[in-house]
Amino acid sequence: MDNLYVTPLNENQAIEVCTWAYDEEFKVYNLFPWHVVKKLSLDLSIDEIREEEFLAILKEADLIGYGRLHLFNDKVFIGIGLRPDYCSNGHGESAMAIIIKEAQIRYPNAPIALEVRSFNERAIKCYKKVGFNTKYNYNRITLEGEENFIYMEYTNSNINA
């Protein structure tokens, strides 16, 4: 397992995350440039929200990903993004494990859930490996148009981060 740890995501790390560029169908995960994120007042740019909900995933002092823990309707929704050079290299399970562990610490009685685009088979495979189960599919309008998503809930309480 990778030696990963999390800290609150600071502004410099948020700026860095906005520069990450994914290829091919994963381009939908590219964020806006930081100046646009700020201008639109997206959650990532709002200090109070970023400090409360967003996490830097670090390997030593190297930012290799970020996560989000968002409490909504009594559930903790997890979001995660790995730096592009860490995708498809087996780091997803370790990163998910540490995000799940943090969710359990912060919200010990809340169910953990996530949403994922249905085309993202590598993420779905990772999520299933760490204990998430598919509950249902649905369509949602995004900046890319209408897309199909999968809603998953965490059921494995024996994860070791």
N, C-alpha and C. Protein backbone atom coordinates (compact mmCIF):
# COMPACT_ATOMS: atom_id res chain seq x y z
N MET A 1 0.85 -1.19 0.00
CA MET A 1 0.00 0.00 0.00
C MET A 1 0.89 1.24 0.00
N ASP A 2 0.46 2.25 -0.72
CA ASP A 2 1.19 3.52 -0.75
C ASP A 2 1.17 4.14 0.64
N ASN A 3 2.20 4.89 0.96
CA ASN A 3 2.22 5.64 2.22
C ASN A 3 1.58 7.00 1.97
N LEU A 4 0.27 7.03 2.01
CA LEU A 4 -0.48 8.25 1.72
C LEU A 4 -1.04 8.83 3.01
N TYR A 5 -1.23 10.14 2.98
CA TYR A 5 -1.91 10.81 4.08
C TYR A 5 -2.68 11.99 3.50
N VAL A 6 -3.61 12.51 4.29
CA VAL A 6 -4.42 13.63 3.83
C VAL A 6 -4.24 14.83 4.75
N THR A 7 -4.38 16.00 4.16
CA THR A 7 -4.42 17.27 4.87
C THR A 7 -5.51 18.10 4.21
N PRO A 8 -5.97 19.16 4.86
CA PRO A 8 -6.89 20.06 4.16
C PRO A 8 -6.21 20.60 2.89
N LEU A 9 -6.96 20.69 1.82
CA LEU A 9 -6.44 21.19 0.55
C LEU A 9 -6.27 22.70 0.65
N ASN A 10 -5.05 23.19 0.49
CA ASN A 10 -4.83 24.63 0.56
C ASN A 10 -4.98 25.27 -0.82
N GLU A 11 -4.95 26.58 -0.87
CA GLU A 11 -5.19 27.28 -2.13
C GLU A 11 -4.14 26.95 -3.18
N ASN A 12 -2.88 26.88 -2.81
CA ASN A 12 -1.84 26.55 -3.79
C ASN A 12 -2.05 25.16 -4.38
N GLN A 13 -2.47 24.23 -3.55
CA GLN A 13 -2.76 22.88 -4.05
C GLN A 13 -3.99 22.89 -4.96
N ALA A 14 -4.99 23.69 -4.62
CA ALA A 14 -6.18 23.81 -5.46
C ALA A 14 -5.81 24.39 -6.83
N ILE A 15 -4.93 25.37 -6.83
CA ILE A 15 -4.46 25.95 -8.09
C ILE A 15 -3.76 24.88 -8.92
N GLU A 16 -2.93 24.06 -8.27
CA GLU A 16 -2.23 22.98 -8.98
C GLU A 16 -3.21 21.97 -9.58
N VAL A 17 -4.21 21.58 -8.80
CA VAL A 17 -5.21 20.62 -9.27
C VAL A 17 -5.89 21.14 -10.54
N CYS A 18 -6.10 22.44 -10.62
CA CYS A 18 -6.75 23.03 -11.80
C CYS A 18 -5.89 22.93 -13.06
N THR A 19 -4.61 22.63 -12.91
CA THR A 19 -3.73 22.50 -14.09
C THR A 19 -3.65 21.07 -14.60
N TRP A 20 -4.17 20.11 -13.84
CA TRP A 20 -4.08 18.72 -14.26
C TRP A 20 -4.92 18.50 -15.51
N ALA A 21 -4.35 17.80 -16.49
CA ALA A 21 -5.04 17.56 -17.76
C ALA A 21 -5.15 16.06 -18.03
N TYR A 22 -6.37 15.61 -18.16
CA TYR A 22 -6.64 14.21 -18.45
C TYR A 22 -6.86 14.04 -19.95
N ASP A 23 -6.56 12.85 -20.46
CA ASP A 23 -6.66 12.57 -21.89
C ASP A 23 -7.97 11.88 -22.25
N GLU A 24 -8.27 11.95 -23.54
CA GLU A 24 -9.37 11.23 -24.17
C GLU A 24 -10.69 11.43 -23.43
N GLU A 25 -11.42 10.35 -23.18
CA GLU A 25 -12.75 10.50 -22.58
C GLU A 25 -12.69 11.05 -21.16
N PHE A 26 -11.51 11.00 -20.55
CA PHE A 26 -11.36 11.50 -19.18
C PHE A 26 -11.20 13.02 -19.12
N LYS A 27 -11.19 13.68 -20.27
CA LYS A 27 -11.12 15.14 -20.31
C LYS A 27 -12.29 15.79 -19.57
N VAL A 28 -13.39 15.06 -19.42
CA VAL A 28 -14.55 15.61 -18.69
C VAL A 28 -14.20 15.91 -17.24
N TYR A 29 -13.09 15.34 -16.75
CA TYR A 29 -12.66 15.58 -15.37
C TYR A 29 -11.68 16.75 -15.25
N ASN A 30 -11.30 17.35 -16.38
CA ASN A 30 -10.44 18.54 -16.31
C ASN A 30 -11.22 19.68 -15.67
N LEU A 31 -10.58 20.36 -14.74
CA LEU A 31 -11.21 21.50 -14.09
C LEU A 31 -10.95 22.76 -14.89
N PHE A 32 -11.73 23.79 -14.61
CA PHE A 32 -11.48 25.09 -15.21
C PHE A 32 -10.16 25.64 -14.69
N PRO A 33 -9.52 26.54 -15.46
CA PRO A 33 -8.35 27.23 -14.91
C PRO A 33 -8.74 27.97 -13.62
N TRP A 34 -7.77 28.16 -12.74
CA TRP A 34 -8.03 28.73 -11.42
C TRP A 34 -8.75 30.08 -11.49
N HIS A 35 -8.35 30.94 -12.42
CA HIS A 35 -8.99 32.26 -12.48
C HIS A 35 -10.49 32.13 -12.81
N VAL A 36 -10.86 31.11 -13.57
CA VAL A 36 -12.28 30.88 -13.88
C VAL A 36 -12.98 30.29 -12.65
N VAL A 37 -12.33 29.35 -11.98
CA VAL A 37 -12.89 28.77 -10.75
C VAL A 37 -13.19 29.88 -9.74
N LYS A 38 -12.24 30.82 -9.60
CA LYS A 38 -12.43 31.96 -8.68
C LYS A 38 -13.58 32.86 -9.14
N LYS A 39 -13.58 33.19 -10.43
CA LYS A 39 -14.60 34.10 -10.96
C LYS A 39 -16.01 33.52 -10.79
N LEU A 40 -16.13 32.21 -10.97
CA LEU A 40 -17.43 31.55 -10.84
C LEU A 40 -17.78 31.22 -9.39
N SER A 41 -16.84 31.51 -8.48
CA SER A 41 -17.02 31.19 -7.05
C SER A 41 -17.39 29.72 -6.84
N LEU A 42 -16.70 28.84 -7.55
CA LEU A 42 -16.92 27.41 -7.35
C LEU A 42 -16.40 27.01 -5.98
N ASP A 43 -16.96 25.95 -5.42
CA ASP A 43 -16.65 25.53 -4.05
C ASP A 43 -15.15 25.42 -3.79
N LEU A 44 -14.40 24.94 -4.76
CA LEU A 44 -12.96 24.78 -4.61
C LEU A 44 -12.26 26.09 -4.28
N SER A 45 -12.83 27.21 -4.72
CA SER A 45 -12.20 28.52 -4.53
C SER A 45 -12.65 29.23 -3.25
N ILE A 46 -13.64 28.70 -2.57
CA ILE A 46 -14.16 29.34 -1.36
C ILE A 46 -13.43 28.75 -0.16
N ASP A 47 -12.62 29.57 0.50
CA ASP A 47 -11.74 29.08 1.56
C ASP A 47 -12.46 28.21 2.58
N GLU A 48 -13.59 28.67 3.09
CA GLU A 48 -14.29 27.95 4.15
C GLU A 48 -14.73 26.56 3.69
N ILE A 49 -15.24 26.48 2.47
CA ILE A 49 -15.70 25.18 1.94
C ILE A 49 -14.50 24.30 1.64
N ARG A 50 -13.48 24.87 0.99
CA ARG A 50 -12.29 24.08 0.66
C ARG A 50 -11.65 23.51 1.92
N GLU A 51 -11.50 24.34 2.95
CA GLU A 51 -10.86 23.88 4.19
C GLU A 51 -11.69 22.83 4.92
N GLU A 52 -13.00 22.90 4.80
CA GLU A 52 -13.90 21.96 5.48
C GLU A 52 -14.08 20.65 4.71
N GLU A 53 -14.18 20.72 3.38
CA GLU A 53 -14.59 19.56 2.60
C GLU A 53 -13.50 18.93 1.72
N PHE A 54 -12.52 19.70 1.31
CA PHE A 54 -11.54 19.21 0.34
C PHE A 54 -10.26 18.75 1.05
N LEU A 55 -9.70 17.65 0.55
CA LEU A 55 -8.50 17.05 1.13
C LEU A 55 -7.41 16.93 0.07
N ALA A 56 -6.19 17.21 0.47
CA ALA A 56 -5.03 16.91 -0.36
C ALA A 56 -4.62 15.48 -0.05
N ILE A 57 -4.40 14.68 -1.08
CA ILE A 57 -3.87 13.33 -0.90
C ILE A 57 -2.39 13.42 -1.23
N LEU A 58 -1.57 13.16 -0.22
CA LEU A 58 -0.13 13.35 -0.35
C LEU A 58 0.62 12.04 -0.20
N LYS A 59 1.68 11.92 -0.99
CA LYS A 59 2.63 10.82 -0.87
C LYS A 59 3.95 11.50 -0.58
N GLU A 60 4.43 11.34 0.66
CA GLU A 60 5.49 12.17 1.21
C GLU A 60 4.95 13.60 1.16
N ALA A 61 5.59 14.53 0.48
CA ALA A 61 5.03 15.88 0.40
C ALA A 61 4.46 16.17 -0.99
N ASP A 62 4.33 15.13 -1.79
CA ASP A 62 3.92 15.26 -3.19
C ASP A 62 2.40 15.14 -3.31
N LEU A 63 1.76 16.15 -3.91
CA LEU A 63 0.32 16.13 -4.13
C LEU A 63 0.01 15.15 -5.26
N ILE A 64 -0.63 14.03 -4.93
CA ILE A 64 -0.93 13.03 -5.95
C ILE A 64 -2.43 12.92 -6.22
N GLY A 65 -3.22 13.64 -5.44
CA GLY A 65 -4.66 13.60 -5.64
C GLY A 65 -5.37 14.52 -4.68
N TYR A 66 -6.66 14.58 -4.84
CA TYR A 66 -7.48 15.36 -3.91
C TYR A 66 -8.80 14.63 -3.74
N GLY A 67 -9.44 14.90 -2.62
CA GLY A 67 -10.73 14.30 -2.35
C GLY A 67 -11.68 15.33 -1.78
N ARG A 68 -12.93 14.96 -1.74
CA ARG A 68 -13.94 15.83 -1.14
C ARG A 68 -14.89 14.97 -0.32
N LEU A 69 -15.22 15.45 0.85
CA LEU A 69 -16.22 14.83 1.71
C LEU A 69 -17.34 15.85 1.88
N HIS A 70 -18.47 15.58 1.26
CA HIS A 70 -19.59 16.53 1.26
C HIS A 70 -20.80 15.87 1.92
N LEU A 71 -21.22 16.41 3.05
CA LEU A 71 -22.38 15.89 3.76
C LEU A 71 -23.65 16.43 3.11
N PHE A 72 -24.51 15.52 2.65
CA PHE A 72 -25.74 15.90 1.97
C PHE A 72 -26.81 14.85 2.28
N ASN A 73 -27.96 15.30 2.75
CA ASN A 73 -29.06 14.38 3.10
C ASN A 73 -28.59 13.25 4.00
N ASP A 74 -27.82 13.59 5.02
CA ASP A 74 -27.33 12.64 6.02
C ASP A 74 -26.39 11.57 5.47
N LYS A 75 -25.85 11.78 4.26
CA LYS A 75 -24.86 10.88 3.69
C LYS A 75 -23.60 11.68 3.40
N VAL A 76 -22.46 11.00 3.46
CA VAL A 76 -21.20 11.62 3.07
C VAL A 76 -20.91 11.20 1.64
N PHE A 77 -20.89 12.19 0.75
CA PHE A 77 -20.54 11.91 -0.64
C PHE A 77 -19.05 12.13 -0.82
N ILE A 78 -18.41 11.13 -1.39
CA ILE A 78 -16.97 11.18 -1.65
C ILE A 78 -16.76 11.56 -3.11
N GLY A 79 -15.82 12.48 -3.30
CA GLY A 79 -15.32 12.78 -4.63
C GLY A 79 -13.81 12.61 -4.58
N ILE A 80 -13.22 12.17 -5.66
CA ILE A 80 -11.77 11.96 -5.68
C ILE A 80 -11.23 12.22 -7.07
N GLY A 81 -10.03 12.76 -7.11
CA GLY A 81 -9.32 12.94 -8.37
C GLY A 81 -7.85 12.65 -8.14
N LEU A 82 -7.29 11.78 -8.97
CA LEU A 82 -5.86 11.51 -8.89
C LEU A 82 -5.14 12.30 -9.96
N ARG A 83 -3.92 12.71 -9.65
CA ARG A 83 -3.09 13.37 -10.64
C ARG A 83 -2.98 12.44 -11.84
N PRO A 84 -3.05 12.97 -13.06
CA PRO A 84 -3.11 12.09 -14.24
C PRO A 84 -2.03 11.02 -14.30
N ASP A 85 -0.81 11.33 -13.87
CA ASP A 85 0.26 10.32 -13.94
C ASP A 85 0.11 9.25 -12.87
N TYR A 86 -0.84 9.39 -11.97
CA TYR A 86 -1.13 8.37 -10.96
C TYR A 86 -2.35 7.52 -11.33
N CYS A 87 -3.03 7.87 -12.41
CA CYS A 87 -4.20 7.10 -12.85
C CYS A 87 -3.75 5.81 -13.54
N SER A 88 -4.53 4.76 -13.37
CA SER A 88 -4.28 3.46 -14.00
C SER A 88 -2.97 2.82 -13.58
N ASN A 89 -2.47 3.19 -12.40
CA ASN A 89 -1.21 2.63 -11.91
C ASN A 89 -1.39 1.92 -10.57
N GLY A 90 -2.63 1.63 -10.19
CA GLY A 90 -2.88 0.91 -8.94
C GLY A 90 -2.91 1.77 -7.70
N HIS A 91 -2.92 3.09 -7.85
CA HIS A 91 -2.94 3.98 -6.68
C HIS A 91 -4.35 4.31 -6.20
N GLY A 92 -5.35 4.02 -7.02
CA GLY A 92 -6.72 4.39 -6.68
C GLY A 92 -7.23 3.75 -5.41
N GLU A 93 -6.91 2.47 -5.21
CA GLU A 93 -7.40 1.78 -4.01
C GLU A 93 -6.83 2.39 -2.74
N SER A 94 -5.53 2.70 -2.73
CA SER A 94 -4.92 3.32 -1.55
C SER A 94 -5.50 4.70 -1.30
N ALA A 95 -5.70 5.47 -2.37
CA ALA A 95 -6.27 6.81 -2.23
C ALA A 95 -7.70 6.73 -1.71
N MET A 96 -8.49 5.81 -2.26
CA MET A 96 -9.87 5.65 -1.78
C MET A 96 -9.89 5.20 -0.33
N ALA A 97 -8.99 4.30 0.04
CA ALA A 97 -8.96 3.81 1.42
C ALA A 97 -8.74 4.94 2.41
N ILE A 98 -7.84 5.85 2.09
CA ILE A 98 -7.55 6.94 3.03
C ILE A 98 -8.70 7.96 3.06
N ILE A 99 -9.38 8.16 1.94
CA ILE A 99 -10.54 9.06 1.91
C ILE A 99 -11.70 8.44 2.70
N ILE A 100 -11.92 7.15 2.52
CA ILE A 100 -12.98 6.45 3.27
C ILE A 100 -12.68 6.53 4.77
N LYS A 101 -11.44 6.29 5.14
CA LYS A 101 -11.07 6.34 6.55
C LYS A 101 -11.34 7.73 7.13
N GLU A 102 -11.00 8.77 6.39
CA GLU A 102 -11.25 10.15 6.85
C GLU A 102 -12.75 10.41 6.98
N ALA A 103 -13.53 9.90 6.03
CA ALA A 103 -15.00 10.05 6.11
C ALA A 103 -15.54 9.38 7.36
N GLN A 104 -15.01 8.20 7.68
CA GLN A 104 -15.47 7.47 8.87
C GLN A 104 -15.08 8.19 10.16
N ILE A 105 -13.93 8.85 10.16
CA ILE A 105 -13.50 9.61 11.34
C ILE A 105 -14.39 10.84 11.53
N ARG A 106 -14.61 11.57 10.44
CA ARG A 106 -15.38 12.82 10.54
C ARG A 106 -16.87 12.59 10.73
N TYR A 107 -17.39 11.57 10.09
CA TYR A 107 -18.84 11.30 10.10
C TYR A 107 -19.07 9.82 10.42
N PRO A 108 -18.81 9.41 11.66
CA PRO A 108 -18.83 7.98 12.00
C PRO A 108 -20.16 7.27 11.79
N ASN A 109 -21.26 7.98 11.81
CA ASN A 109 -22.56 7.33 11.68
C ASN A 109 -23.23 7.55 10.33
N ALA A 110 -22.57 8.25 9.43
CA ALA A 110 -23.18 8.57 8.15
C ALA A 110 -22.81 7.54 7.09
N PRO A 111 -23.78 7.10 6.30
CA PRO A 111 -23.46 6.24 5.16
C PRO A 111 -22.55 7.00 4.18
N ILE A 112 -21.70 6.27 3.49
CA ILE A 112 -20.77 6.86 2.53
C ILE A 112 -21.24 6.49 1.13
N ALA A 113 -21.30 7.48 0.25
CA ALA A 113 -21.80 7.27 -1.10
C ALA A 113 -20.92 8.02 -2.10
N LEU A 114 -21.10 7.68 -3.37
CA LEU A 114 -20.44 8.42 -4.44
C LEU A 114 -21.24 8.28 -5.72
N GLU A 115 -20.93 9.15 -6.66
CA GLU A 115 -21.51 9.10 -7.99
C GLU A 115 -20.35 9.05 -8.98
N VAL A 116 -20.51 8.26 -10.03
CA VAL A 116 -19.46 8.13 -11.03
C VAL A 116 -20.10 8.02 -12.41
N ARG A 117 -19.46 8.64 -13.39
CA ARG A 117 -19.95 8.50 -14.76
C ARG A 117 -19.86 7.02 -15.16
N SER A 118 -20.89 6.53 -15.81
CA SER A 118 -20.97 5.09 -16.09
C SER A 118 -19.90 4.61 -17.06
N PHE A 119 -19.30 5.49 -17.86
CA PHE A 119 -18.24 5.06 -18.78
C PHE A 119 -16.92 4.80 -18.06
N ASN A 120 -16.76 5.31 -16.85
CA ASN A 120 -15.47 5.26 -16.15
C ASN A 120 -15.28 3.89 -15.47
N GLU A 121 -15.04 2.90 -16.31
CA GLU A 121 -14.94 1.52 -15.82
C GLU A 121 -13.77 1.31 -14.87
N ARG A 122 -12.66 2.02 -15.10
CA ARG A 122 -11.51 1.82 -14.20
C ARG A 122 -11.83 2.32 -12.79
N ALA A 123 -12.56 3.44 -12.69
CA ALA A 123 -12.95 3.95 -11.36
C ALA A 123 -13.97 3.02 -10.72
N ILE A 124 -14.94 2.56 -11.48
CA ILE A 124 -15.97 1.67 -10.95
C ILE A 124 -15.33 0.39 -10.39
N LYS A 125 -14.39 -0.15 -11.13
CA LYS A 125 -13.68 -1.36 -10.68
C LYS A 125 -12.96 -1.09 -9.35
N CYS A 126 -12.31 0.06 -9.25
CA CYS A 126 -11.61 0.44 -8.02
C CYS A 126 -12.60 0.58 -6.87
N TYR A 127 -13.70 1.27 -7.11
CA TYR A 127 -14.69 1.50 -6.06
C TYR A 127 -15.27 0.18 -5.54
N LYS A 128 -15.51 -0.74 -6.45
CA LYS A 128 -16.02 -2.06 -6.03
C LYS A 128 -14.99 -2.80 -5.19
N LYS A 129 -13.71 -2.69 -5.57
CA LYS A 129 -12.65 -3.38 -4.82
C LYS A 129 -12.55 -2.89 -3.38
N VAL A 130 -12.84 -1.61 -3.16
CA VAL A 130 -12.71 -1.07 -1.79
C VAL A 130 -14.02 -1.14 -1.00
N GLY A 131 -15.08 -1.71 -1.60
CA GLY A 131 -16.28 -1.95 -0.82
C GLY A 131 -17.54 -1.21 -1.22
N PHE A 132 -17.55 -0.55 -2.38
CA PHE A 132 -18.76 0.13 -2.84
C PHE A 132 -19.60 -0.82 -3.69
N ASN A 133 -20.91 -0.69 -3.58
CA ASN A 133 -21.85 -1.46 -4.40
C ASN A 133 -22.74 -0.52 -5.18
N THR A 134 -23.03 -0.90 -6.42
CA THR A 134 -23.92 -0.13 -7.28
C THR A 134 -25.35 -0.23 -6.75
N LYS A 135 -26.00 0.93 -6.64
CA LYS A 135 -27.40 0.97 -6.20
C LYS A 135 -28.33 1.25 -7.38
N TYR A 136 -27.98 2.23 -8.23
CA TYR A 136 -28.81 2.53 -9.39
C TYR A 136 -28.06 3.45 -10.35
N ASN A 137 -28.59 3.52 -11.58
CA ASN A 137 -28.10 4.43 -12.61
C ASN A 137 -29.12 5.55 -12.81
N TYR A 138 -28.65 6.69 -13.28
CA TYR A 138 -29.54 7.80 -13.59
C TYR A 138 -28.85 8.72 -14.59
N ASN A 139 -29.63 9.55 -15.26
CA ASN A 139 -29.09 10.54 -16.19
C ASN A 139 -29.12 11.90 -15.53
N ARG A 140 -28.12 12.71 -15.87
CA ARG A 140 -28.03 14.07 -15.33
C ARG A 140 -27.46 14.98 -16.41
N ILE A 141 -27.90 16.22 -16.42
CA ILE A 141 -27.37 17.21 -17.34
C ILE A 141 -26.08 17.78 -16.73
N THR A 142 -25.00 17.76 -17.51
CA THR A 142 -23.72 18.32 -17.10
C THR A 142 -23.27 19.31 -18.16
N LEU A 143 -22.09 19.87 -18.00
CA LEU A 143 -21.55 20.76 -19.02
C LEU A 143 -21.31 20.04 -20.34
N GLU A 144 -21.22 18.73 -20.29
CA GLU A 144 -21.01 17.91 -21.49
C GLU A 144 -22.32 17.50 -22.15
N GLY A 145 -23.45 17.82 -21.53
CA GLY A 145 -24.76 17.38 -22.02
C GLY A 145 -25.35 16.36 -21.06
N GLU A 146 -26.28 15.55 -21.55
CA GLU A 146 -26.88 14.53 -20.69
C GLU A 146 -25.93 13.34 -20.58
N GLU A 147 -25.65 12.94 -19.34
CA GLU A 147 -24.73 11.83 -19.11
C GLU A 147 -25.34 10.84 -18.13
N ASN A 148 -24.89 9.59 -18.23
CA ASN A 148 -25.35 8.54 -17.34
C ASN A 148 -24.38 8.38 -16.18
N PHE A 149 -24.93 8.32 -14.98
CA PHE A 149 -24.14 8.17 -13.76
C PHE A 149 -24.58 6.92 -13.01
N ILE A 150 -23.68 6.42 -12.17
CA ILE A 150 -23.97 5.31 -11.27
C ILE A 150 -23.85 5.84 -9.85
N TYR A 151 -24.86 5.55 -9.04
CA TYR A 151 -24.83 5.88 -7.62
C TYR A 151 -24.39 4.63 -6.88
N MET A 152 -23.36 4.77 -6.02
CA MET A 152 -22.80 3.63 -5.29
C MET A 152 -22.76 3.97 -3.80
N GLU A 153 -22.92 2.94 -2.96
CA GLU A 153 -22.80 3.12 -1.51
C GLU A 153 -21.75 2.16 -0.96
N TYR A 154 -21.07 2.62 0.07
CA TYR A 154 -20.02 1.85 0.72
C TYR A 154 -20.63 0.87 1.71
N THR A 155 -20.20 -0.39 1.63
CA THR A 155 -20.76 -1.41 2.51
C THR A 155 -19.70 -2.17 3.30
N ASN A 156 -18.43 -1.94 3.02
CA ASN A 156 -17.36 -2.68 3.68
C ASN A 156 -16.77 -1.85 4.80
N SER A 157 -17.01 -2.23 6.04
CA SER A 157 -16.50 -1.46 7.18
C SER A 157 -15.15 -1.96 7.66
N ASN A 158 -14.55 -2.90 6.95
CA ASN A 158 -13.28 -3.48 7.38
C ASN A 158 -12.09 -2.98 6.58
N ILE A 159 -12.20 -1.82 5.96
CA ILE A 159 -11.10 -1.32 5.15
C ILE A 159 -9.94 -0.89 6.03
N ASN A 160 -8.76 -1.14 5.57
CA ASN A 160 -7.54 -0.73 6.29
C ASN A 160 -6.79 0.27 5.43
N ALA A 161 -6.72 1.50 5.88
CA ALA A 161 -6.01 2.54 5.13
C ALA A 161 -4.58 2.62 5.60
